[in-house]
Structure formats: C-alpha cells, structure tokens
C-alpha atoms as a PDB file:
ATOM      1  CA  MET A   1     -66.917  44.208-187.461  1.00  0.00           C
ATOM      2  CA  ASP A   2     -63.608  44.719-189.277  1.00  0.00           C
ATOM      3  CA  SER A   3     -60.520  42.536-188.968  1.00  0.00           C
ATOM      4  CA  LEU A   4     -57.768  44.005-186.810  1.00  0.00           C
ATOM      5  CA  LEU A   5     -55.044  42.748-189.167  1.00  0.00           C
ATOM      6  CA  GLU A   6     -56.764  44.348-192.170  1.00  0.00           C
ATOM      7  CA  VAL A   7     -56.521  47.698-190.392  1.00  0.00           C
ATOM      8  CA  ILE A   8     -52.991  47.473-188.965  1.00  0.00           C
ATOM      9  CA  GLY A   9     -51.519  45.391-191.815  1.00  0.00           C
ATOM     10  CA  GLN A  10     -51.000  41.662-192.248  1.00  0.00           C
ATOM     11  CA  ASP A  11     -47.243  42.166-191.821  1.00  0.00           C
ATOM     12  CA  ALA A  12     -47.840  42.845-188.115  1.00  0.00           C
ATOM     13  CA  SER A  13     -48.280  39.112-187.554  1.00  0.00           C
ATOM     14  CA  GLU A  14     -44.665  38.606-188.686  1.00  0.00           C
ATOM     15  CA  ILE A  15     -43.189  40.925-186.041  1.00  0.00           C
ATOM     16  CA  PRO A  16     -41.256  38.918-183.419  1.00  0.00           C
ATOM     17  CA  GLY A  17     -43.404  38.588-180.323  1.00  0.00           C
ATOM     18  CA  TYR A  18     -46.723  39.176-182.096  1.00  0.00           C
ATOM     19  CA  CYS A  19     -47.810  35.556-181.806  1.00  0.00           C
ATOM     20  CA  ASN A  20     -46.215  34.892-178.406  1.00  0.00           C
ATOM     21  CA  THR A  21     -47.941  35.136-175.071  1.00  0.00           C
ATOM     22  CA  ASP A  22     -46.348  36.456-171.913  1.00  0.00           C
ATOM     23  CA  LEU A  23     -47.609  33.827-169.509  1.00  0.00           C
ATOM     24  CA  ARG A  24     -45.751  35.497-166.642  1.00  0.00           C
ATOM     25  CA  GLY A  25     -47.831  38.628-167.094  1.00  0.00           C
ATOM     26  CA  GLU A  26     -44.774  40.839-166.548  1.00  0.00           C
ATOM     27  CA  GLY A  27     -45.269  43.359-169.347  1.00  0.00           C
ATOM     28  CA  PRO A  28     -47.695  46.248-169.563  1.00  0.00           C
ATOM     29  CA  TYR A  29     -49.817  43.949-171.740  1.00  0.00           C
ATOM     30  CA  TYR A  30     -50.536  40.298-171.094  1.00  0.00           C
ATOM     31  CA  TRP A  31     -50.038  39.506-174.785  1.00  0.00           C
ATOM     32  CA  ASP A  32     -47.256  41.163-176.761  1.00  0.00           C
ATOM     33  CA  TRP A  33     -49.501  41.394-179.820  1.00  0.00           C
ATOM     34  CA  GLU A  34     -51.842  43.730-177.949  1.00  0.00           C
ATOM     35  CA  TYR A  35     -48.979  46.171-177.438  1.00  0.00           C
ATOM     36  CA  ILE A  36     -47.917  45.942-181.092  1.00  0.00           C
ATOM     37  CA  ALA A  37     -51.492  46.318-182.354  1.00  0.00           C
ATOM     38  CA  ARG A  38     -52.254  49.241-180.047  1.00  0.00           C
ATOM     39  CA  GLU A  39     -49.097  51.069-181.131  1.00  0.00           C
ATOM     40  CA  ARG A  40     -50.002  50.627-184.811  1.00  0.00           C
ATOM     41  CA  LEU A  41     -53.612  51.703-184.252  1.00  0.00           C
ATOM     42  CA  GLU A  42     -52.478  54.888-182.531  1.00  0.00           C
ATOM     43  CA  LYS A  43     -50.032  55.660-185.381  1.00  0.00           C
ATOM     44  CA  LEU A  44     -52.950  55.295-187.818  1.00  0.00           C
ATOM     45  CA  GLY A  45     -54.940  57.901-185.889  1.00  0.00           C
ATOM     46  CA  TYR A  46     -57.171  55.645-183.801  1.00  0.00           C
ATOM     47  CA  THR A  47     -57.850  56.425-180.154  1.00  0.00           C
ATOM     48  CA  PHE A  48     -57.588  53.160-178.254  1.00  0.00           C
ATOM     49  CA  ILE A  49     -60.227  52.448-175.616  1.00  0.00           C
ATOM     50  CA  CYS A  50     -59.888  48.827-174.506  1.00  0.00           C
ATOM     51  CA  TRP A  51     -59.527  45.148-175.322  1.00  0.00           C
ATOM     52  CA  VAL A  52     -62.468  42.821-174.675  1.00  0.00           C
ATOM     53  CA  ASP A  53     -62.901  39.079-175.073  1.00  0.00           C
ATOM     54  CA  GLY A  54     -64.954  37.817-177.983  1.00  0.00           C
ATOM     55  CA  GLU A  55     -65.742  34.123-178.205  1.00  0.00           C
ATOM     56  CA  ARG A  56     -64.371  31.926-175.413  1.00  0.00           C
ATOM     57  CA  ASP A  57     -63.906  28.288-174.598  1.00  0.00           C
ATOM     58  CA  SER A  58     -62.650  26.501-171.493  1.00  0.00           C
ATOM     59  CA  PHE A  59     -59.060  27.565-172.278  1.00  0.00           C
ATOM     60  CA  GLY A  60     -59.829  31.271-172.553  1.00  0.00           C
ATOM     61  CA  PRO A  61     -60.595  33.771-175.299  1.00  0.00           C
ATOM     62  CA  LEU A  62     -60.690  32.561-178.900  1.00  0.00           C
ATOM     63  CA  THR A  63     -61.074  36.082-180.233  1.00  0.00           C
ATOM     64  CA  ARG A  64     -60.159  39.503-178.893  1.00  0.00           C
ATOM     65  CA  ILE A  65     -61.811  42.752-179.849  1.00  0.00           C
ATOM     66  CA  ALA A  66     -60.129  46.155-179.862  1.00  0.00           C
ATOM     67  CA  VAL A  67     -62.553  48.987-179.184  1.00  0.00           C
ATOM     68  CA  VAL A  68     -61.250  52.164-180.840  1.00  0.00           C
ATOM     69  CA  VAL A  69     -62.442  55.580-181.999  1.00  0.00           C
ATOM     70  CA  LYS A  70     -61.565  57.324-185.252  1.00  0.00           C
ATOM     71  CA  ASP A  71     -63.272  60.323-186.822  1.00  0.00           C
ATOM     72  CA  ARG A  72     -65.778  60.368-183.947  1.00  0.00           C
ATOM     73  CA  LYS A  73     -66.903  56.802-184.742  1.00  0.00           C
ATOM     74  CA  MET A  74     -66.512  53.925-182.309  1.00  0.00           C
ATOM     75  CA  LEU A  75     -65.295  50.758-184.012  1.00  0.00           C
ATOM     76  CA  ARG A  76     -64.752  47.178-182.929  1.00  0.00           C
ATOM     77  CA  LEU A  77     -61.855  45.358-184.592  1.00  0.00           C
ATOM     78  CA  ILE A  78     -61.697  41.588-184.165  1.00  0.00           C
ATOM     79  CA  TYR A  79     -58.604  39.398-183.937  1.00  0.00           C
ATOM     80  CA  GLY A  80     -58.521  35.628-183.682  1.00  0.00           C
END
C-alpha cells in the first residue's frame, strides 16, 4: 500500500485546513484534508472511489485509506 502523501505531495500537509478537522460536520467532507487530497488525486488522473477506515482505537480511525483507480488498476493509498 502506498502513502497518500507520497502520491499527492508532502506539501499538501502544509495547506491551511489540511490538518484540521471539521467537528461540526458542515462541509461536504468531514475532514478538510479529505477534500484537499481528493482534489489533488483527481488532478493527477486518479478516479476517486471512497475513503475507508484503516486501524482504529477507541477515539476513532488512526489511519484512513483512499481507494482510487488509475490506468485500470485499483489502488489503496494510506494516510495516518
């Protein structure tokens, strides 16, 4: 499984809002970083399918996995 930040670029983590959570759940994405990552993936030619939880603890997900398709291959990109 590849690292999400290796694919979209380490600089994505420096974008305002990337490391913040929207605890009110008011946006189209619960976490702002999911929106930023999805937008970058689509610009790189990936077809986005979904986000899934990876490892979890009692506080919630420790890792998130983006399931994407590129060049007819399904890939899982991990973040966290």
